[in-house]
Amino acid sequence: MLLHFLATIVLGLGTAGLLMAINVATGKRLPTWLVPAGAGLAMLVFLVSMEYSWVTRTTAGLPEGVEVVSISRESMWYRPWTYLKPLSLRLVAIDTRRNRTHPEQPDQIMTTVMLLGRWMPIREIPVVFDCLGARRADLHAGVELEAGGHLRGADWRRLDPDDAALQTVCRERFD
């Protein structure tokens, strides 16, 4: 965030300096409002492009085995350009490198769901997906693993069989 702020300030100063040099070279024929307006426009375009490229830059930096299953698309009144092209500021990924199964419950897969947000730290949530039952349970402090691989205290949530997270985690089971 600090680097983006500094880059924005440097871009604004550089644009203002370039426009002032052009003004001097043309014999001061440019309108006086052009320097601050040009610098402001350059900074705004830079910030908007950084916002829109966040998902691409973030997903490109994810390690192999981490798969994106959901990307938000939002429009905001204080960013009017998002009504033309909605902005993505959050995404959900599954870290398939951490998939684990219990020998007695092969259709229940424990994995990690990653919640990524612009300007926010990554949150990792351990989750168990039941491939046959099309459901999932978050592993929180009250959930315990019983003999036989059953989860005690789990709040199972039904999922659509076509749910992207379920499909990603259970890919090997469905193939």
C-alpha atoms as a PDB file:
ATOM      1  CA  MET A   1       0.000   0.000   0.000  1.00  0.00           C
ATOM      2  CA  LEU A   2       2.829   2.389   0.849  1.00  0.00           C
ATOM      3  CA  LEU A   3       4.583   1.590  -2.426  1.00  0.00           C
ATOM      4  CA  HIS A   4       1.409   2.323  -4.403  1.00  0.00           C
ATOM      5  CA  PHE A   5       1.040   5.630  -2.583  1.00  0.00           C
ATOM      6  CA  LEU A   6       4.650   6.588  -3.308  1.00  0.00           C
ATOM      7  CA  ALA A   7       4.355   5.482  -6.948  1.00  0.00           C
ATOM      8  CA  THR A   8       1.205   7.577  -7.330  1.00  0.00           C
ATOM      9  CA  ILE A   9       2.905  10.686  -5.906  1.00  0.00           C
ATOM     10  CA  VAL A  10       5.989  10.192  -8.095  1.00  0.00           C
ATOM     11  CA  LEU A  11       3.795   9.692 -11.161  1.00  0.00           C
ATOM     12  CA  GLY A  12       1.852  12.876 -10.379  1.00  0.00           C
ATOM     13  CA  LEU A  13       5.039  14.903  -9.895  1.00  0.00           C
ATOM     14  CA  GLY A  14       6.603  13.425 -13.025  1.00  0.00           C
ATOM     15  CA  THR A  15       3.531  14.178 -15.116  1.00  0.00           C
ATOM     16  CA  ALA A  16       3.362  17.725 -13.761  1.00  0.00           C
ATOM     17  CA  GLY A  17       7.065  18.224 -14.530  1.00  0.00           C
ATOM     18  CA  LEU A  18       6.652  16.881 -18.060  1.00  0.00           C
ATOM     19  CA  LEU A  19       3.659  19.130 -18.727  1.00  0.00           C
ATOM     20  CA  MET A  20       5.524  22.147 -17.320  1.00  0.00           C
ATOM     21  CA  ALA A  21       8.474  21.371 -19.623  1.00  0.00           C
ATOM     22  CA  ILE A  22       6.113  21.100 -22.608  1.00  0.00           C
ATOM     23  CA  ASN A  23       4.544  24.416 -21.585  1.00  0.00           C
ATOM     24  CA  VAL A  24       7.938  26.129 -21.479  1.00  0.00           C
ATOM     25  CA  ALA A  25       8.932  24.569 -24.829  1.00  0.00           C
ATOM     26  CA  THR A  26       5.736  25.849 -26.485  1.00  0.00           C
ATOM     27  CA  GLY A  27       6.215  29.383 -25.201  1.00  0.00           C
ATOM     28  CA  LYS A  28       3.750  29.047 -22.327  1.00  0.00           C
ATOM     29  CA  ARG A  29       0.768  28.532 -24.644  1.00  0.00           C
ATOM     30  CA  LEU A  30      -0.851  25.770 -22.577  1.00  0.00           C
ATOM     31  CA  PRO A  31      -3.680  26.693 -20.214  1.00  0.00           C
ATOM     32  CA  THR A  32      -2.652  26.994 -16.554  1.00  0.00           C
ATOM     33  CA  TRP A  33      -5.135  24.353 -15.392  1.00  0.00           C
ATOM     34  CA  LEU A  34      -3.535  21.666 -17.610  1.00  0.00           C
ATOM     35  CA  VAL A  35      -0.601  20.870 -15.267  1.00  0.00           C
ATOM     36  CA  PRO A  36      -2.629  20.007 -12.130  1.00  0.00           C
ATOM     37  CA  ALA A  37      -5.426  18.385 -14.157  1.00  0.00           C
ATOM     38  CA  GLY A  38      -2.956  16.249 -16.115  1.00  0.00           C
ATOM     39  CA  ALA A  39      -1.122  15.173 -12.959  1.00  0.00           C
ATOM     40  CA  GLY A  40      -4.408  14.326 -11.226  1.00  0.00           C
ATOM     41  CA  LEU A  41      -5.694  12.397 -14.234  1.00  0.00           C
ATOM     42  CA  ALA A  42      -2.440  10.406 -14.491  1.00  0.00           C
ATOM     43  CA  MET A  43      -2.652   9.492 -10.790  1.00  0.00           C
ATOM     44  CA  LEU A  44      -6.319   8.493 -11.092  1.00  0.00           C
ATOM     45  CA  VAL A  45      -5.693   6.317 -14.163  1.00  0.00           C
ATOM     46  CA  PHE A  46      -2.753   4.645 -12.398  1.00  0.00           C
ATOM     47  CA  LEU A  47      -4.791   3.863  -9.276  1.00  0.00           C
ATOM     48  CA  VAL A  48      -7.742   2.534 -11.278  1.00  0.00           C
ATOM     49  CA  SER A  49      -5.463   0.317 -13.378  1.00  0.00           C
ATOM     50  CA  MET A  50      -3.818  -1.044 -10.226  1.00  0.00           C
ATOM     51  CA  GLU A  51      -7.250  -1.874  -8.768  1.00  0.00           C
ATOM     52  CA  TYR A  52      -8.382  -3.676 -11.918  1.00  0.00           C
ATOM     53  CA  SER A  53      -5.128  -5.625 -12.292  1.00  0.00           C
ATOM     54  CA  TRP A  54      -5.146  -6.858  -8.662  1.00  0.00           C
ATOM     55  CA  VAL A  55      -6.846 -10.188  -9.402  1.00  0.00           C
ATOM     56  CA  THR A  56      -4.517 -10.969 -12.304  1.00  0.00           C
ATOM     57  CA  ARG A  57      -1.413 -10.102 -10.295  1.00  0.00           C
ATOM     58  CA  THR A  58      -2.626 -12.012  -7.230  1.00  0.00           C
ATOM     59  CA  THR A  59      -3.646 -15.183  -9.063  1.00  0.00           C
ATOM     60  CA  ALA A  60      -0.375 -15.172 -11.012  1.00  0.00           C
ATOM     61  CA  GLY A  61       1.498 -15.175  -7.696  1.00  0.00           C
ATOM     62  CA  LEU A  62      -0.368 -18.124  -6.199  1.00  0.00           C
ATOM     63  CA  PRO A  63       1.684 -21.321  -5.915  1.00  0.00           C
ATOM     64  CA  GLU A  64       0.903 -24.406  -7.962  1.00  0.00           C
ATOM     65  CA  GLY A  65      -1.870 -26.374  -6.287  1.00  0.00           C
ATOM     66  CA  VAL A  66      -3.799 -23.308  -5.140  1.00  0.00           C
ATOM     67  CA  GLU A  67      -6.875 -22.908  -7.329  1.00  0.00           C
ATOM     68  CA  VAL A  68      -9.226 -19.921  -7.448  1.00  0.00           C
ATOM     69  CA  VAL A  69     -12.871 -21.009  -7.132  1.00  0.00           C
ATOM     70  CA  SER A  70     -14.656 -17.674  -6.766  1.00  0.00           C
ATOM     71  CA  ILE A  71     -13.984 -14.044  -7.685  1.00  0.00           C
ATOM     72  CA  SER A  72     -16.246 -11.226  -6.489  1.00  0.00           C
ATOM     73  CA  ARG A  73     -17.504  -8.558  -8.872  1.00  0.00           C
ATOM     74  CA  GLU A  74     -18.704  -5.336  -7.276  1.00  0.00           C
ATOM     75  CA  SER A  75     -19.982  -1.907  -8.262  1.00  0.00           C
ATOM     76  CA  MET A  76     -19.563   0.982  -5.832  1.00  0.00           C
ATOM     77  CA  TRP A  77     -21.120   4.439  -5.877  1.00  0.00           C
ATOM     78  CA  TYR A  78     -17.830   6.108  -4.881  1.00  0.00           C
ATOM     79  CA  ARG A  79     -16.122   4.409  -7.846  1.00  0.00           C
ATOM     80  CA  PRO A  80     -18.564   5.272 -10.650  1.00  0.00           C
ATOM     81  CA  TRP A  81     -16.477   3.510 -13.328  1.00  0.00           C
ATOM     82  CA  THR A  82     -17.301   0.193 -11.630  1.00  0.00           C
ATOM     83  CA  TYR A  83     -20.828   0.442 -13.045  1.00  0.00           C
ATOM     84  CA  LEU A  84     -19.286   0.061 -16.507  1.00  0.00           C
ATOM     85  CA  LYS A  85     -16.936  -2.739 -15.461  1.00  0.00           C
ATOM     86  CA  PRO A  86     -17.433  -4.203 -11.967  1.00  0.00           C
ATOM     87  CA  LEU A  87     -14.313  -4.380  -9.797  1.00  0.00           C
ATOM     88  CA  SER A  88     -12.968  -7.538  -8.154  1.00  0.00           C
ATOM     89  CA  LEU A  89     -11.597  -6.991  -4.652  1.00  0.00           C
ATOM     90  CA  ARG A  90     -12.001 -10.467  -3.129  1.00  0.00           C
ATOM     91  CA  LEU A  91     -11.400 -14.018  -4.184  1.00  0.00           C
ATOM     92  CA  VAL A  92     -11.664 -17.501  -2.712  1.00  0.00           C
ATOM     93  CA  ALA A  93      -9.072 -20.180  -3.412  1.00  0.00           C
ATOM     94  CA  ILE A  94      -8.586 -23.801  -2.394  1.00  0.00           C
ATOM     95  CA  ASP A  95      -5.132 -25.017  -1.400  1.00  0.00           C
ATOM     96  CA  THR A  96      -5.314 -28.521  -2.866  1.00  0.00           C
ATOM     97  CA  ARG A  97      -1.758 -29.205  -1.683  1.00  0.00           C
ATOM     98  CA  ARG A  98      -3.217 -29.644   1.820  1.00  0.00           C
ATOM     99  CA  ASN A  99      -5.923 -32.159   0.890  1.00  0.00           C
ATOM    100  CA  ARG A 100      -6.113 -34.986   3.459  1.00  0.00           C
ATOM    101  CA  THR A 101      -8.449 -37.929   3.927  1.00  0.00           C
ATOM    102  CA  HIS A 102      -9.120 -40.349   6.760  1.00  0.00           C
ATOM    103  CA  PRO A 103      -8.713 -44.030   5.793  1.00  0.00           C
ATOM    104  CA  GLU A 104     -12.238 -44.819   7.038  1.00  0.00           C
ATOM    105  CA  GLN A 105     -13.849 -41.747   5.402  1.00  0.00           C
ATOM    106  CA  PRO A 106     -12.260 -41.558   1.913  1.00  0.00           C
ATOM    107  CA  ASP A 107     -15.051 -39.351   0.531  1.00  0.00           C
ATOM    108  CA  GLN A 108     -14.480 -36.640   3.129  1.00  0.00           C
ATOM    109  CA  ILE A 109     -11.537 -34.436   2.250  1.00  0.00           C
ATOM    110  CA  MET A 110      -9.965 -31.953   4.640  1.00  0.00           C
ATOM    111  CA  THR A 111      -8.381 -28.969   2.910  1.00  0.00           C
ATOM    112  CA  THR A 112      -7.753 -25.253   3.335  1.00  0.00           C
ATOM    113  CA  VAL A 113      -9.958 -22.496   1.957  1.00  0.00           C
ATOM    114  CA  MET A 114      -8.085 -19.227   1.418  1.00  0.00           C
ATOM    115  CA  LEU A 115      -9.890 -15.876   1.512  1.00  0.00           C
ATOM    116  CA  LEU A 116      -7.920 -13.148  -0.258  1.00  0.00           C
ATOM    117  CA  GLY A 117      -8.943  -9.504  -0.277  1.00  0.00           C
ATOM    118  CA  ARG A 118      -7.408  -6.349  -1.650  1.00  0.00           C
ATOM    119  CA  TRP A 119      -5.410  -4.645   1.145  1.00  0.00           C
ATOM    120  CA  MET A 120      -6.265  -7.449   3.577  1.00  0.00           C
ATOM    121  CA  PRO A 121      -4.200 -10.315   5.000  1.00  0.00           C
ATOM    122  CA  ILE A 122      -4.910 -13.799   3.670  1.00  0.00           C
ATOM    123  CA  ARG A 123      -7.288 -15.806   5.875  1.00  0.00           C
ATOM    124  CA  GLU A 124      -7.005 -19.590   5.840  1.00  0.00           C
ATOM    125  CA  ILE A 125      -9.888 -21.743   7.010  1.00  0.00           C
ATOM    126  CA  PRO A 126      -9.588 -25.521   7.478  1.00  0.00           C
ATOM    127  CA  VAL A 127     -12.645 -27.176   5.929  1.00  0.00           C
ATOM    128  CA  VAL A 128     -13.880 -30.712   5.343  1.00  0.00           C
ATOM    129  CA  PHE A 129     -15.786 -31.408   2.130  1.00  0.00           C
ATOM    130  CA  ASP A 130     -18.043 -34.444   1.883  1.00  0.00           C
ATOM    131  CA  CYS A 131     -17.834 -35.397  -1.790  1.00  0.00           C
ATOM    132  CA  LEU A 132     -20.734 -37.883  -1.764  1.00  0.00           C
ATOM    133  CA  GLY A 133     -23.010 -35.797   0.439  1.00  0.00           C
ATOM    134  CA  ALA A 134     -22.259 -32.494  -1.368  1.00  0.00           C
ATOM    135  CA  ARG A 135     -21.692 -30.636   1.885  1.00  0.00           C
ATOM    136  CA  ARG A 136     -18.938 -28.952   3.858  1.00  0.00           C
ATOM    137  CA  ALA A 137     -18.034 -28.240   7.468  1.00  0.00           C
ATOM    138  CA  ASP A 138     -15.676 -25.567   8.742  1.00  0.00           C
ATOM    139  CA  LEU A 139     -13.253 -26.880  11.333  1.00  0.00           C
ATOM    140  CA  HIS A 140     -13.523 -24.556  14.317  1.00  0.00           C
ATOM    141  CA  ALA A 141     -12.593 -24.984  17.963  1.00  0.00           C
ATOM    142  CA  GLY A 142     -15.644 -27.103  18.840  1.00  0.00           C
ATOM    143  CA  VAL A 143     -15.112 -29.771  16.158  1.00  0.00           C
ATOM    144  CA  GLU A 144     -13.443 -33.026  17.158  1.00  0.00           C
ATOM    145  CA  LEU A 145     -12.341 -36.037  15.140  1.00  0.00           C
ATOM    146  CA  GLU A 146     -13.837 -39.244  16.536  1.00  0.00           C
ATOM    147  CA  ALA A 147     -12.736 -42.814  15.958  1.00  0.00           C
ATOM    148  CA  GLY A 148     -13.675 -43.861  12.457  1.00  0.00           C
ATOM    149  CA  GLY A 149     -13.043 -40.377  11.064  1.00  0.00           C
ATOM    150  CA  HIS A 150     -16.432 -38.898  12.009  1.00  0.00           C
ATOM    151  CA  LEU A 151     -16.586 -35.221  12.967  1.00  0.00           C
ATOM    152  CA  ARG A 152     -18.317 -34.400  16.242  1.00  0.00           C
ATOM    153  CA  GLY A 153     -19.640 -30.855  16.640  1.00  0.00           C
ATOM    154  CA  ALA A 154     -19.396 -30.019  12.941  1.00  0.00           C
ATOM    155  CA  ASP A 155     -22.002 -27.756  11.330  1.00  0.00           C
ATOM    156  CA  TRP A 156     -22.465 -29.325   7.898  1.00  0.00           C
ATOM    157  CA  ARG A 157     -23.685 -27.013   5.149  1.00  0.00           C
ATOM    158  CA  ARG A 158     -25.335 -28.317   2.021  1.00  0.00           C
ATOM    159  CA  LEU A 159     -23.678 -27.361  -1.260  1.00  0.00           C
ATOM    160  CA  ASP A 160     -24.886 -27.420  -4.824  1.00  0.00           C
ATOM    161  CA  PRO A 161     -23.270 -30.451  -6.493  1.00  0.00           C
ATOM    162  CA  ASP A 162     -21.891 -28.025  -9.103  1.00  0.00           C
ATOM    163  CA  ASP A 163     -20.259 -25.795  -6.451  1.00  0.00           C
ATOM    164  CA  ALA A 164     -16.806 -24.759  -7.702  1.00  0.00           C
ATOM    165  CA  ALA A 165     -15.075 -25.425  -4.372  1.00  0.00           C
ATOM    166  CA  LEU A 166     -16.663 -28.871  -4.051  1.00  0.00           C
ATOM    167  CA  GLN A 167     -15.735 -29.712  -7.632  1.00  0.00           C
ATOM    168  CA  THR A 168     -12.134 -28.578  -7.109  1.00  0.00           C
ATOM    169  CA  VAL A 169     -11.608 -30.497  -3.866  1.00  0.00           C
ATOM    170  CA  CYS A 170     -13.409 -33.637  -5.001  1.00  0.00           C
ATOM    171  CA  ARG A 171     -12.067 -33.690  -8.568  1.00  0.00           C
ATOM    172  CA  GLU A 172     -10.273 -37.029  -8.034  1.00  0.00           C
ATOM    173  CA  ARG A 173     -13.412 -38.559  -6.495  1.00  0.00           C
ATOM    174  CA  PHE A 174     -15.662 -37.422  -9.382  1.00  0.00           C
ATOM    175  CA  ASP A 175     -13.295 -38.544 -12.179  1.00  0.00           C
END
